[in-house]
Amino acid sequence: YVIQAARRHDYLDFYRQEISFRRQLGYPPFRRLARLLFSHQSREKVQEEAEALARGLKFTIAERGLTGVDLIGPAPCFFGREQGKYRWQIVVRAVDPASFLRIVDIPQGWRMDVDPINLL
C-alpha cells in the first residue's frame, strides 16, 4: 500500500491505512515503544543475555498482570553486527514503557531508548 499510495501521490490514503495498521497492532501513536539493546563481541553471549532478560521481563509482566505491556523479541537487530559487535534487541510496547522499565532490573551493558527514532 505504501508504494501504491506514493505512486498516486495519495498521502491521505497512505495515512488512513497506516494509522489503521498502527491502531490494530498497538504501535505509536496508540502505544509507545522502548528499545533495549545489547551488544558484545561474542554472538553467544549476546543471544544468552537477550534471552535471559526477556525471560525476566516476561515473568514480571505475568506476575504483576500487566496486560498492557508486551515484548517484541528478543531478536537480532536488523543490522546484526556493527563495529565488530553482535547486537540483539527487545522492544517493549506499552502506553508508558518507561514506567514498566523502572520496576525491573536491567543488567549492566544494556542500552535503553524510550520512543526510539528507529529500530534498526
PDB file of N, CA and C in Angstrom:
ATOM      1  N   TYR A   1       0.814  -1.203   0.000  1.00  0.00           N
ATOM      2  CA  TYR A   1       0.000   0.000   0.000  1.00  0.00           C
ATOM      3  C   TYR A   1       0.855   1.264   0.000  1.00  0.00           C
ATOM      4  N   VAL A   2       2.040   1.196   0.573  1.00  0.00           N
ATOM      5  CA  VAL A   2       2.914   2.369   0.639  1.00  0.00           C
ATOM      6  C   VAL A   2       3.325   2.811  -0.762  1.00  0.00           C
ATOM      7  N   ILE A   3       3.802   1.864  -1.537  1.00  0.00           N
ATOM      8  CA  ILE A   3       4.270   2.187  -2.893  1.00  0.00           C
ATOM      9  C   ILE A   3       3.110   2.674  -3.750  1.00  0.00           C
ATOM     10  N   GLN A   4       1.980   2.001  -3.634  1.00  0.00           N
ATOM     11  CA  GLN A   4       0.821   2.396  -4.448  1.00  0.00           C
ATOM     12  C   GLN A   4       0.353   3.808  -4.091  1.00  0.00           C
ATOM     13  N   ALA A   5       0.283   4.111  -2.814  1.00  0.00           N
ATOM     14  CA  ALA A   5      -0.144   5.454  -2.403  1.00  0.00           C
ATOM     15  C   ALA A   5       0.874   6.502  -2.853  1.00  0.00           C
ATOM     16  N   ALA A   6       2.163   6.179  -2.750  1.00  0.00           N
ATOM     17  CA  ALA A   6       3.194   7.126  -3.191  1.00  0.00           C
ATOM     18  C   ALA A   6       3.122   7.341  -4.701  1.00  0.00           C
ATOM     19  N   ARG A   7       2.906   6.258  -5.417  1.00  0.00           N
ATOM     20  CA  ARG A   7       2.818   6.367  -6.877  1.00  0.00           C
ATOM     21  C   ARG A   7       1.667   7.283  -7.280  1.00  0.00           C
ATOM     22  N   ARG A   8       0.573   7.233  -6.517  1.00  0.00           N
ATOM     23  CA  ARG A   8      -0.604   8.067  -6.813  1.00  0.00           C
ATOM     24  C   ARG A   8      -0.534   9.439  -6.130  1.00  0.00           C
ATOM     25  N   HIS A   9       0.530   9.680  -5.344  1.00  0.00           N
ATOM     26  CA  HIS A   9       0.647  10.908  -4.551  1.00  0.00           C
ATOM     27  C   HIS A   9      -0.569  11.072  -3.638  1.00  0.00           C
ATOM     28  N   ASP A  10      -1.024   9.943  -3.091  1.00  0.00           N
ATOM     29  CA  ASP A  10      -2.233   9.926  -2.264  1.00  0.00           C
ATOM     30  C   ASP A  10      -1.838   9.764  -0.797  1.00  0.00           C
ATOM     31  N   TYR A  11      -1.365  10.840  -0.199  1.00  0.00           N
ATOM     32  CA  TYR A  11      -0.918  10.774   1.183  1.00  0.00           C
ATOM     33  C   TYR A  11      -2.060  10.471   2.141  1.00  0.00           C
ATOM     34  N   LEU A  12      -3.279  10.879   1.808  1.00  0.00           N
ATOM     35  CA  LEU A  12      -4.414  10.632   2.688  1.00  0.00           C
ATOM     36  C   LEU A  12      -4.738   9.137   2.751  1.00  0.00           C
ATOM     37  N   ASP A  13      -4.687   8.454   1.621  1.00  0.00           N
ATOM     38  CA  ASP A  13      -4.912   7.007   1.612  1.00  0.00           C
ATOM     39  C   ASP A  13      -3.817   6.299   2.412  1.00  0.00           C
ATOM     40  N   PHE A  14      -2.571   6.729   2.212  1.00  0.00           N
ATOM     41  CA  PHE A  14      -1.470   6.152   2.988  1.00  0.00           C
ATOM     42  C   PHE A  14      -1.716   6.353   4.481  1.00  0.00           C
ATOM     43  N   TYR A  15      -2.069   7.564   4.874  1.00  0.00           N
ATOM     44  CA  TYR A  15      -2.309   7.858   6.281  1.00  0.00           C
ATOM     45  C   TYR A  15      -3.411   6.967   6.844  1.00  0.00           C
ATOM     46  N   ARG A  16      -4.512   6.855   6.149  1.00  0.00           N
ATOM     47  CA  ARG A  16      -5.641   6.045   6.645  1.00  0.00           C
ATOM     48  C   ARG A  16      -5.233   4.590   6.854  1.00  0.00           C
ATOM     49  N   GLN A  17      -4.515   4.040   5.901  1.00  0.00           N
ATOM     50  CA  GLN A  17      -4.104   2.642   6.031  1.00  0.00           C
ATOM     51  C   GLN A  17      -3.060   2.469   7.131  1.00  0.00           C
ATOM     52  N   GLU A  18      -2.105   3.373   7.173  1.00  0.00           N
ATOM     53  CA  GLU A  18      -1.036   3.276   8.168  1.00  0.00           C
ATOM     54  C   GLU A  18      -1.579   3.464   9.582  1.00  0.00           C
ATOM     55  N   ILE A  19      -2.458   4.414   9.797  1.00  0.00           N
ATOM     56  CA  ILE A  19      -2.986   4.664  11.140  1.00  0.00           C
ATOM     57  C   ILE A  19      -3.868   3.496  11.590  1.00  0.00           C
ATOM     58  N   SER A  20      -4.572   2.877  10.659  1.00  0.00           N
ATOM     59  CA  SER A  20      -5.372   1.695  10.983  1.00  0.00           C
ATOM     60  C   SER A  20      -4.466   0.535  11.399  1.00  0.00           C
ATOM     61  N   PHE A  21      -3.409   0.331  10.648  1.00  0.00           N
ATOM     62  CA  PHE A  21      -2.427  -0.707  10.955  1.00  0.00           C
ATOM     63  C   PHE A  21      -1.824  -0.469  12.342  1.00  0.00           C
ATOM     64  N   ARG A  22      -1.425   0.755  12.620  1.00  0.00           N
ATOM     65  CA  ARG A  22      -0.811   1.078  13.900  1.00  0.00           C
ATOM     66  C   ARG A  22      -1.795   0.905  15.062  1.00  0.00           C
ATOM     67  N   ARG A  23      -3.043   1.256  14.861  1.00  0.00           N
ATOM     68  CA  ARG A  23      -4.062   1.085  15.907  1.00  0.00           C
ATOM     69  C   ARG A  23      -4.240  -0.403  16.215  1.00  0.00           C
ATOM     70  N   GLN A  24      -4.388  -1.221  15.174  1.00  0.00           N
ATOM     71  CA  GLN A  24      -4.609  -2.657  15.356  1.00  0.00           C
ATOM     72  C   GLN A  24      -3.454  -3.334  16.081  1.00  0.00           C
ATOM     73  N   LEU A  25      -2.229  -2.931  15.765  1.00  0.00           N
ATOM     74  CA  LEU A  25      -1.058  -3.597  16.331  1.00  0.00           C
ATOM     75  C   LEU A  25      -0.468  -2.902  17.558  1.00  0.00           C
ATOM     76  N   GLY A  26      -1.071  -1.787  17.954  1.00  0.00           N
ATOM     77  CA  GLY A  26      -0.594  -1.100  19.149  1.00  0.00           C
ATOM     78  C   GLY A  26       0.735  -0.388  18.973  1.00  0.00           C
ATOM     79  N   TYR A  27       0.940   0.193  17.821  1.00  0.00           N
ATOM     80  CA  TYR A  27       2.154   0.976  17.574  1.00  0.00           C
ATOM     81  C   TYR A  27       1.855   2.457  17.757  1.00  0.00           C
ATOM     82  N   PRO A  28       2.914   3.268  17.937  1.00  0.00           N
ATOM     83  CA  PRO A  28       2.691   4.713  18.076  1.00  0.00           C
ATOM     84  C   PRO A  28       1.854   5.255  16.927  1.00  0.00           C
ATOM     85  N   PRO A  29       0.977   6.166  17.238  1.00  0.00           N
ATOM     86  CA  PRO A  29       0.817   6.951  18.466  1.00  0.00           C
ATOM     87  C   PRO A  29      -0.135   6.333  19.490  1.00  0.00           C
ATOM     88  N   PHE A  30      -0.573   5.099  19.301  1.00  0.00           N
ATOM     89  CA  PHE A  30      -1.556   4.491  20.205  1.00  0.00           C
ATOM     90  C   PHE A  30      -0.910   3.867  21.429  1.00  0.00           C
ATOM     91  N   ARG A  31       0.284   3.385  21.281  1.00  0.00           N
ATOM     92  CA  ARG A  31       1.110   2.929  22.394  1.00  0.00           C
ATOM     93  C   ARG A  31       2.528   3.391  22.095  1.00  0.00           C
ATOM     94  N   ARG A  32       3.375   3.309  23.095  1.00  0.00           N
ATOM     95  CA  ARG A  32       4.755   3.763  22.923  1.00  0.00           C
ATOM     96  C   ARG A  32       5.695   2.568  22.931  1.00  0.00           C
ATOM     97  N   LEU A  33       6.898   2.791  22.440  1.00  0.00           N
ATOM     98  CA  LEU A  33       7.907   1.743  22.372  1.00  0.00           C
ATOM     99  C   LEU A  33       9.131   2.137  23.191  1.00  0.00           C
ATOM    100  N   ALA A  34       9.815   1.125  23.694  1.00  0.00           N
ATOM    101  CA  ALA A  34      11.137   1.305  24.291  1.00  0.00           C
ATOM    102  C   ALA A  34      12.012   0.193  23.733  1.00  0.00           C
ATOM    103  N   ARG A  35      13.191   0.554  23.322  1.00  0.00           N
ATOM    104  CA  ARG A  35      14.116  -0.416  22.739  1.00  0.00           C
ATOM    105  C   ARG A  35      15.238  -0.695  23.734  1.00  0.00           C
ATOM    106  N   LEU A  36      15.453  -1.977  24.003  1.00  0.00           N
ATOM    107  CA  LEU A  36      16.559  -2.416  24.842  1.00  0.00           C
ATOM    108  C   LEU A  36      17.560  -3.090  23.915  1.00  0.00           C
ATOM    109  N   LEU A  37      18.801  -2.648  23.945  1.00  0.00           N
ATOM    110  CA  LEU A  37      19.817  -3.121  23.006  1.00  0.00           C
ATOM    111  C   LEU A  37      21.040  -3.602  23.763  1.00  0.00           C
ATOM    112  N   PHE A  38      21.526  -4.785  23.381  1.00  0.00           N
ATOM    113  CA  PHE A  38      22.746  -5.327  23.974  1.00  0.00           C
ATOM    114  C   PHE A  38      23.699  -5.690  22.858  1.00  0.00           C
ATOM    115  N   SER A  39      24.972  -5.325  23.028  1.00  0.00           N
ATOM    116  CA  SER A  39      25.974  -5.672  22.023  1.00  0.00           C
ATOM    117  C   SER A  39      27.223  -6.215  22.709  1.00  0.00           C
ATOM    118  N   HIS A  40      27.904  -7.110  21.997  1.00  0.00           N
ATOM    119  CA  HIS A  40      29.110  -7.746  22.536  1.00  0.00           C
ATOM    120  C   HIS A  40      29.838  -8.431  21.390  1.00  0.00           C
ATOM    121  N   GLN A  41      31.127  -8.704  21.592  1.00  0.00           N
ATOM    122  CA  GLN A  41      31.902  -9.383  20.556  1.00  0.00           C
ATOM    123  C   GLN A  41      31.469 -10.835  20.363  1.00  0.00           C
ATOM    124  N   SER A  42      30.911 -11.437  21.387  1.00  0.00           N
ATOM    125  CA  SER A  42      30.503 -12.842  21.324  1.00  0.00           C
ATOM    126  C   SER A  42      29.034 -12.974  20.925  1.00  0.00           C
ATOM    127  N   ARG A  43      28.800 -13.663  19.829  1.00  0.00           N
ATOM    128  CA  ARG A  43      27.427 -13.902  19.359  1.00  0.00           C
ATOM    129  C   ARG A  43      26.624 -14.666  20.410  1.00  0.00           C
ATOM    130  N   GLU A  44      27.256 -15.668  21.021  1.00  0.00           N
ATOM    131  CA  GLU A  44      26.555 -16.492  22.006  1.00  0.00           C
ATOM    132  C   GLU A  44      26.168 -15.679  23.240  1.00  0.00           C
ATOM    133  N   LYS A  45      27.092 -14.845  23.709  1.00  0.00           N
ATOM    134  CA  LYS A  45      26.802 -14.033  24.901  1.00  0.00           C
ATOM    135  C   LYS A  45      25.652 -13.067  24.639  1.00  0.00           C
ATOM    136  N   VAL A  46      25.631 -12.456  23.470  1.00  0.00           N
ATOM    137  CA  VAL A  46      24.562 -11.508  23.142  1.00  0.00           C
ATOM    138  C   VAL A  46      23.216 -12.220  23.156  1.00  0.00           C
ATOM    139  N   GLN A  47      23.150 -13.372  22.519  1.00  0.00           N
ATOM    140  CA  GLN A  47      21.892 -14.117  22.478  1.00  0.00           C
ATOM    141  C   GLN A  47      21.473 -14.564  23.875  1.00  0.00           C
ATOM    142  N   GLU A  48      22.412 -15.088  24.656  1.00  0.00           N
ATOM    143  CA  GLU A  48      22.098 -15.536  26.016  1.00  0.00           C
ATOM    144  C   GLU A  48      21.591 -14.381  26.882  1.00  0.00           C
ATOM    145  N   GLU A  49      22.262 -13.237  26.813  1.00  0.00           N
ATOM    146  CA  GLU A  49      21.845 -12.068  27.597  1.00  0.00           C
ATOM    147  C   GLU A  49      20.442 -11.610  27.207  1.00  0.00           C
ATOM    148  N   ALA A  50      20.184 -11.572  25.907  1.00  0.00           N
ATOM    149  CA  ALA A  50      18.872 -11.121  25.425  1.00  0.00           C
ATOM    150  C   ALA A  50      17.773 -12.084  25.859  1.00  0.00           C
ATOM    151  N   GLU A  51      18.023 -13.368  25.731  1.00  0.00           N
ATOM    152  CA  GLU A  51      17.014 -14.355  26.122  1.00  0.00           C
ATOM    153  C   GLU A  51      16.780 -14.333  27.628  1.00  0.00           C
ATOM    154  N   ALA A  52      17.844 -14.158  28.405  1.00  0.00           N
ATOM    155  CA  ALA A  52      17.696 -14.107  29.866  1.00  0.00           C
ATOM    156  C   ALA A  52      16.890 -12.875  30.287  1.00  0.00           C
ATOM    157  N   LEU A  53      17.198 -11.725  29.706  1.00  0.00           N
ATOM    158  CA  LEU A  53      16.445 -10.520  30.063  1.00  0.00           C
ATOM    159  C   LEU A  53      14.986 -10.656  29.645  1.00  0.00           C
ATOM    160  N   ALA A  54      14.742 -11.198  28.471  1.00  0.00           N
ATOM    161  CA  ALA A  54      13.356 -11.374  28.010  1.00  0.00           C
ATOM    162  C   ALA A  54      12.581 -12.282  28.963  1.00  0.00           C
ATOM    163  N   ARG A  55      13.212 -13.355  29.434  1.00  0.00           N
ATOM    164  CA  ARG A  55      12.543 -14.238  30.403  1.00  0.00           C
ATOM    165  C   ARG A  55      12.166 -13.455  31.660  1.00  0.00           C
ATOM    166  N   GLY A  56      13.091 -12.650  32.153  1.00  0.00           N
ATOM    167  CA  GLY A  56      12.816 -11.853  33.349  1.00  0.00           C
ATOM    168  C   GLY A  56      11.707 -10.840  33.132  1.00  0.00           C
ATOM    169  N   LEU A  57      11.718 -10.187  31.990  1.00  0.00           N
ATOM    170  CA  LEU A  57      10.669  -9.208  31.687  1.00  0.00           C
ATOM    171  C   LEU A  57       9.309  -9.888  31.566  1.00  0.00           C
ATOM    172  N   LYS A  58       9.272 -11.031  30.887  1.00  0.00           N
ATOM    173  CA  LYS A  58       8.009 -11.771  30.735  1.00  0.00           C
ATOM    174  C   LYS A  58       7.488 -12.240  32.090  1.00  0.00           C
ATOM    175  N   PHE A  59       8.395 -12.660  32.964  1.00  0.00           N
ATOM    176  CA  PHE A  59       7.995 -13.079  34.302  1.00  0.00           C
ATOM    177  C   PHE A  59       7.346 -11.915  35.052  1.00  0.00           C
ATOM    178  N   THR A  60       7.968 -10.750  35.005  1.00  0.00           N
ATOM    179  CA  THR A  60       7.419  -9.570  35.684  1.00  0.00           C
ATOM    180  C   THR A  60       6.062  -9.192  35.112  1.00  0.00           C
ATOM    181  N   ILE A  61       5.937  -9.229  33.796  1.00  0.00           N
ATOM    182  CA  ILE A  61       4.656  -8.909  33.151  1.00  0.00           C
ATOM    183  C   ILE A  61       3.569  -9.859  33.638  1.00  0.00           C
ATOM    184  N   ALA A  62       3.876 -11.165  33.670  1.00  0.00           N
ATOM    185  CA  ALA A  62       2.892 -12.164  34.097  1.00  0.00           C
ATOM    186  C   ALA A  62       2.599 -12.054  35.591  1.00  0.00           C
ATOM    187  N   GLU A  63       3.646 -11.925  36.398  1.00  0.00           N
ATOM    188  CA  GLU A  63       3.492 -11.879  37.852  1.00  0.00           C
ATOM    189  C   GLU A  63       2.637 -10.687  38.296  1.00  0.00           C
ATOM    190  N   ARG A  64       2.789  -9.575  37.640  1.00  0.00           N
ATOM    191  CA  ARG A  64       2.045  -8.366  38.016  1.00  0.00           C
ATOM    192  C   ARG A  64       0.769  -8.174  37.206  1.00  0.00           C
ATOM    193  N   GLY A  65       0.496  -9.082  36.284  1.00  0.00           N
ATOM    194  CA  GLY A  65      -0.719  -8.989  35.481  1.00  0.00           C
ATOM    195  C   GLY A  65      -0.761  -7.758  34.597  1.00  0.00           C
ATOM    196  N   LEU A  66       0.360  -7.414  34.014  1.00  0.00           N
ATOM    197  CA  LEU A  66       0.468  -6.208  33.188  1.00  0.00           C
ATOM    198  C   LEU A  66       0.015  -6.505  31.761  1.00  0.00           C
ATOM    199  N   THR A  67      -1.283  -6.540  31.573  1.00  0.00           N
ATOM    200  CA  THR A  67      -1.829  -6.903  30.262  1.00  0.00           C
ATOM    201  C   THR A  67      -1.558  -5.854  29.197  1.00  0.00           C
ATOM    202  N   GLY A  68      -1.229  -4.644  29.583  1.00  0.00           N
ATOM    203  CA  GLY A  68      -0.968  -3.585  28.613  1.00  0.00           C
ATOM    204  C   GLY A  68       0.485  -3.482  28.184  1.00  0.00           C
ATOM    205  N   VAL A  69       1.305  -4.434  28.623  1.00  0.00           N
ATOM    206  CA  VAL A  69       2.731  -4.428  28.273  1.00  0.00           C
ATOM    207  C   VAL A  69       3.038  -5.712  27.522  1.00  0.00           C
ATOM    208  N   ASP A  70       3.702  -5.587  26.385  1.00  0.00           N
ATOM    209  CA  ASP A  70       4.154  -6.789  25.692  1.00  0.00           C
ATOM    210  C   ASP A  70       5.520  -6.550  25.074  1.00  0.00           C
ATOM    211  N   LEU A  71       6.156  -7.645  24.694  1.00  0.00           N
ATOM    212  CA  LEU A  71       7.515  -7.601  24.159  1.00  0.00           C
ATOM    213  C   LEU A  71       7.536  -8.046  22.709  1.00  0.00           C
ATOM    214  N   ILE A  72       8.426  -7.450  21.959  1.00  0.00           N
ATOM    215  CA  ILE A  72       8.749  -7.907  20.615  1.00  0.00           C
ATOM    216  C   ILE A  72      10.204  -8.365  20.703  1.00  0.00           C
ATOM    217  N   GLY A  73      10.429  -9.624  20.471  1.00  0.00           N
ATOM    218  CA  GLY A  73      11.773 -10.179  20.590  1.00  0.00           C
ATOM    219  C   GLY A  73      11.884 -10.992  21.862  1.00  0.00           C
ATOM    220  N   PRO A  74      13.098 -11.380  22.184  1.00  0.00           N
ATOM    221  CA  PRO A  74      14.374 -10.877  21.711  1.00  0.00           C
ATOM    222  C   PRO A  74      14.695 -11.368  20.303  1.00  0.00           C
ATOM    223  N   ALA A  75      15.457 -10.555  19.608  1.00  0.00           N
ATOM    224  CA  ALA A  75      15.835 -10.891  18.235  1.00  0.00           C
ATOM    225  C   ALA A  75      17.091 -10.118  17.853  1.00  0.00           C
ATOM    226  N   PRO A  76      17.833 -10.653  16.895  1.00  0.00           N
ATOM    227  CA  PRO A  76      18.971  -9.881  16.386  1.00  0.00           C
ATOM    228  C   PRO A  76      18.471  -8.574  15.777  1.00  0.00           C
ATOM    229  N   CYS A  77      19.253  -7.541  15.901  1.00  0.00           N
ATOM    230  CA  CYS A  77      18.910  -6.267  15.265  1.00  0.00           C
ATOM    231  C   CYS A  77      18.944  -6.430  13.748  1.00  0.00           C
ATOM    232  N   PHE A  78      18.297  -5.535  13.048  1.00  0.00           N
ATOM    233  CA  PHE A  78      18.309  -5.565  11.585  1.00  0.00           C
ATOM    234  C   PHE A  78      19.749  -5.546  11.084  1.00  0.00           C
ATOM    235  N   PHE A  79      20.552  -4.651  11.638  1.00  0.00           N
ATOM    236  CA  PHE A  79      21.988  -4.670  11.383  1.00  0.00           C
ATOM    237  C   PHE A  79      22.602  -5.446  12.540  1.00  0.00           C
ATOM    238  N   GLY A  80      22.723  -6.754  12.357  1.00  0.00           N
ATOM    239  CA  GLY A  80      23.079  -7.663  13.439  1.00  0.00           C
ATOM    240  C   GLY A  80      24.483  -7.522  13.975  1.00  0.00           C
ATOM    241  N   ARG A  81      25.353  -6.903  13.209  1.00  0.00           N
ATOM    242  CA  ARG A  81      26.723  -6.716  13.673  1.00  0.00           C
ATOM    243  C   ARG A  81      27.187  -5.331  13.261  1.00  0.00           C
ATOM    244  N   GLU A  82      27.753  -4.622  14.228  1.00  0.00           N
ATOM    245  CA  GLU A  82      28.195  -3.254  13.983  1.00  0.00           C
ATOM    246  C   GLU A  82      29.483  -3.018  14.757  1.00  0.00           C
ATOM    247  N   GLN A  83      30.491  -2.515  14.086  1.00  0.00           N
ATOM    248  CA  GLN A  83      31.791  -2.236  14.695  1.00  0.00           C
ATOM    249  C   GLN A  83      32.341  -3.451  15.431  1.00  0.00           C
ATOM    250  N   GLY A  84      32.194  -4.626  14.813  1.00  0.00           N
ATOM    251  CA  GLY A  84      32.735  -5.857  15.374  1.00  0.00           C
ATOM    252  C   GLY A  84      31.944  -6.448  16.520  1.00  0.00           C
ATOM    253  N   LYS A  85      30.780  -5.888  16.817  1.00  0.00           N
ATOM    254  CA  LYS A  85      29.958  -6.405  17.917  1.00  0.00           C
ATOM    255  C   LYS A  85      28.609  -6.875  17.385  1.00  0.00           C
ATOM    256  N   TYR A  86      28.156  -8.011  17.928  1.00  0.00           N
ATOM    257  CA  TYR A  86      26.824  -8.523  17.605  1.00  0.00           C
ATOM    258  C   TYR A  86      25.802  -7.750  18.422  1.00  0.00           C
ATOM    259  N   ARG A  87      24.605  -7.601  17.862  1.00  0.00           N
ATOM    260  CA  ARG A  87      23.579  -6.778  18.509  1.00  0.00           C
ATOM    261  C   ARG A  87      22.234  -7.507  18.522  1.00  0.00           C
ATOM    262  N   TRP A  88      21.616  -7.563  19.691  1.00  0.00           N
ATOM    263  CA  TRP A  88      20.262  -8.094  19.844  1.00  0.00           C
ATOM    264  C   TRP A  88      19.428  -7.040  20.550  1.00  0.00           C
ATOM    265  N   GLN A  89      18.117  -7.107  20.322  1.00  0.00           N
ATOM    266  CA  GLN A  89      17.233  -6.128  20.945  1.00  0.00           C
ATOM    267  C   GLN A  89      15.948  -6.773  21.436  1.00  0.00           C
ATOM    268  N   ILE A  90      15.338  -6.075  22.376  1.00  0.00           N
ATOM    269  CA  ILE A  90      13.999  -6.384  22.871  1.00  0.00           C
ATOM    270  C   ILE A  90      13.235  -5.066  22.793  1.00  0.00           C
ATOM    271  N   VAL A  91      12.042  -5.105  22.248  1.00  0.00           N
ATOM    272  CA  VAL A  91      11.217  -3.901  22.172  1.00  0.00           C
ATOM    273  C   VAL A  91      10.043  -4.075  23.133  1.00  0.00           C
ATOM    274  N   VAL A  92       9.877  -3.112  24.019  1.00  0.00           N
ATOM    275  CA  VAL A  92       8.756  -3.094  24.964  1.00  0.00           C
ATOM    276  C   VAL A  92       7.687  -2.187  24.366  1.00  0.00           C
ATOM    277  N   ARG A  93       6.472  -2.707  24.295  1.00  0.00           N
ATOM    278  CA  ARG A  93       5.344  -1.938  23.747  1.00  0.00           C
ATOM    279  C   ARG A  93       4.320  -1.760  24.864  1.00  0.00           C
ATOM    280  N   ALA A  94       4.013  -0.489  25.195  1.00  0.00           N
ATOM    281  CA  ALA A  94       3.087  -0.187  26.291  1.00  0.00           C
ATOM    282  C   ALA A  94       2.636   1.263  26.180  1.00  0.00           C
ATOM    283  N   VAL A  95       1.611   1.611  26.936  1.00  0.00           N
ATOM    284  CA  VAL A  95       1.184   3.007  26.980  1.00  0.00           C
ATOM    285  C   VAL A  95       2.307   3.855  27.583  1.00  0.00           C
ATOM    286  N   ASP A  96       2.960   3.323  28.615  1.00  0.00           N
ATOM    287  CA  ASP A  96       4.072   4.031  29.256  1.00  0.00           C
ATOM    288  C   ASP A  96       5.201   3.039  29.547  1.00  0.00           C
ATOM    289  N   PRO A  97       6.017   2.715  28.549  1.00  0.00           N
ATOM    290  CA  PRO A  97       7.072   1.723  28.765  1.00  0.00           C
ATOM    291  C   PRO A  97       8.105   2.157  29.806  1.00  0.00           C
ATOM    292  N   ALA A  98       8.313   3.448  29.981  1.00  0.00           N
ATOM    293  CA  ALA A  98       9.291   3.917  30.971  1.00  0.00           C
ATOM    294  C   ALA A  98       8.873   3.515  32.380  1.00  0.00           C
ATOM    295  N   SER A  99       7.574   3.555  32.674  1.00  0.00           N
ATOM    296  CA  SER A  99       7.089   3.132  33.998  1.00  0.00           C
ATOM    297  C   SER A  99       7.380   1.659  34.227  1.00  0.00           C
ATOM    298  N   PHE A 100       7.167   0.848  33.213  1.00  0.00           N
ATOM    299  CA  PHE A 100       7.470  -0.578  33.333  1.00  0.00           C
ATOM    300  C   PHE A 100       8.965  -0.784  33.553  1.00  0.00           C
ATOM    301  N   LEU A 101       9.790  -0.098  32.801  1.00  0.00           N
ATOM    302  CA  LEU A 101      11.237  -0.292  32.913  1.00  0.00           C
ATOM    303  C   LEU A 101      11.772   0.149  34.273  1.00  0.00           C
ATOM    304  N   ARG A 102      11.072   1.040  34.952  1.00  0.00           N
ATOM    305  CA  ARG A 102      11.508   1.471  36.288  1.00  0.00           C
ATOM    306  C   ARG A 102      11.312   0.377  37.339  1.00  0.00           C
ATOM    307  N   ILE A 103      10.428  -0.582  37.089  1.00  0.00           N
ATOM    308  CA  ILE A 103      10.163  -1.616  38.099  1.00  0.00           C
ATOM    309  C   ILE A 103      10.946  -2.896  37.851  1.00  0.00           C
ATOM    310  N   VAL A 104      11.752  -2.934  36.795  1.00  0.00           N
ATOM    311  CA  VAL A 104      12.541  -4.133  36.500  1.00  0.00           C
ATOM    312  C   VAL A 104      14.029  -3.805  36.588  1.00  0.00           C
ATOM    313  N   ASP A 105      14.811  -4.841  36.843  1.00  0.00           N
ATOM    314  CA  ASP A 105      16.264  -4.669  36.881  1.00  0.00           C
ATOM    315  C   ASP A 105      16.827  -4.955  35.497  1.00  0.00           C
ATOM    316  N   ILE A 106      17.437  -3.952  34.905  1.00  0.00           N
ATOM    317  CA  ILE A 106      18.080  -4.116  33.606  1.00  0.00           C
ATOM    318  C   ILE A 106      19.573  -4.281  33.882  1.00  0.00           C
ATOM    319  N   PRO A 107      20.154  -5.416  33.490  1.00  0.00           N
ATOM    320  CA  PRO A 107      21.576  -5.645  33.764  1.00  0.00           C
ATOM    321  C   PRO A 107      22.476  -4.599  33.105  1.00  0.00           C
ATOM    322  N   GLN A 108      23.649  -4.461  33.674  1.00  0.00           N
ATOM    323  CA  GLN A 108      24.637  -3.532  33.129  1.00  0.00           C
ATOM    324  C   GLN A 108      24.978  -3.939  31.693  1.00  0.00           C
ATOM    325  N   GLY A 109      25.215  -2.951  30.860  1.00  0.00           N
ATOM    326  CA  GLY A 109      25.592  -3.211  29.477  1.00  0.00           C
ATOM    327  C   GLY A 109      24.460  -3.030  28.489  1.00  0.00           C
ATOM    328  N   TRP A 110      23.239  -2.957  28.980  1.00  0.00           N
ATOM    329  CA  TRP A 110      22.080  -2.752  28.106  1.00  0.00           C
ATOM    330  C   TRP A 110      21.870  -1.261  27.876  1.00  0.00           C
ATOM    331  N   ARG A 111      21.516  -0.899  26.653  1.00  0.00           N
ATOM    332  CA  ARG A 111      21.139   0.482  26.336  1.00  0.00           C
ATOM    333  C   ARG A 111      19.626   0.542  26.206  1.00  0.00           C
ATOM    334  N   MET A 112      19.030   1.572  26.795  1.00  0.00           N
ATOM    335  CA  MET A 112      17.582   1.751  26.727  1.00  0.00           C
ATOM    336  C   MET A 112      17.269   3.028  25.970  1.00  0.00           C
ATOM    337  N   ASP A 113      16.277   2.948  25.106  1.00  0.00           N
ATOM    338  CA  ASP A 113      15.851   4.114  24.334  1.00  0.00           C
ATOM    339  C   ASP A 113      14.324   4.110  24.294  1.00  0.00           C
ATOM    340  N   VAL A 114      13.709   5.023  25.041  1.00  0.00           N
ATOM    341  CA  VAL A 114      12.255   5.159  25.027  1.00  0.00           C
ATOM    342  C   VAL A 114      11.886   6.056  23.851  1.00  0.00           C
ATOM    343  N   ASP A 115      10.861   5.669  23.115  1.00  0.00           N
ATOM    344  CA  ASP A 115      10.450   6.364  21.889  1.00  0.00           C
ATOM    345  C   ASP A 115      11.610   6.444  20.890  1.00  0.00           C
ATOM    346  N   PRO A 116      12.177   5.284  20.533  1.00  0.00           N
ATOM    347  CA  PRO A 116      13.322   5.298  19.614  1.00  0.00           C
ATOM    348  C   PRO A 116      12.943   5.867  18.249  1.00  0.00           C
ATOM    349  N   ILE A 117      13.897   6.515  17.645  1.00  0.00           N
ATOM    350  CA  ILE A 117      13.682   7.077  16.310  1.00  0.00           C
ATOM    351  C   ILE A 117      13.558   5.954  15.286  1.00  0.00           C
ATOM    352  N   ASN A 118      14.345   4.894  15.475  1.00  0.00           N
ATOM    353  CA  ASN A 118      14.228   3.731  14.588  1.00  0.00           C
ATOM    354  C   ASN A 118      14.546   2.471  15.373  1.00  0.00           C
ATOM    355  N   LEU A 119      14.267   1.339  14.752  1.00  0.00           N
ATOM    356  CA  LEU A 119      14.523   0.046  15.385  1.00  0.00           C
ATOM    357  C   LEU A 119      15.566  -0.753  14.609  1.00  0.00           C
ATOM    358  N   LEU A 120      16.367  -0.069  13.834  1.00  0.00           N
ATOM    359  CA  LEU A 120      17.376  -0.750  13.026  1.00  0.00           C
ATOM    360  C   LEU A 120      18.602  -1.069  13.862  1.00  0.00           C
TER     361      LEU A 120
END
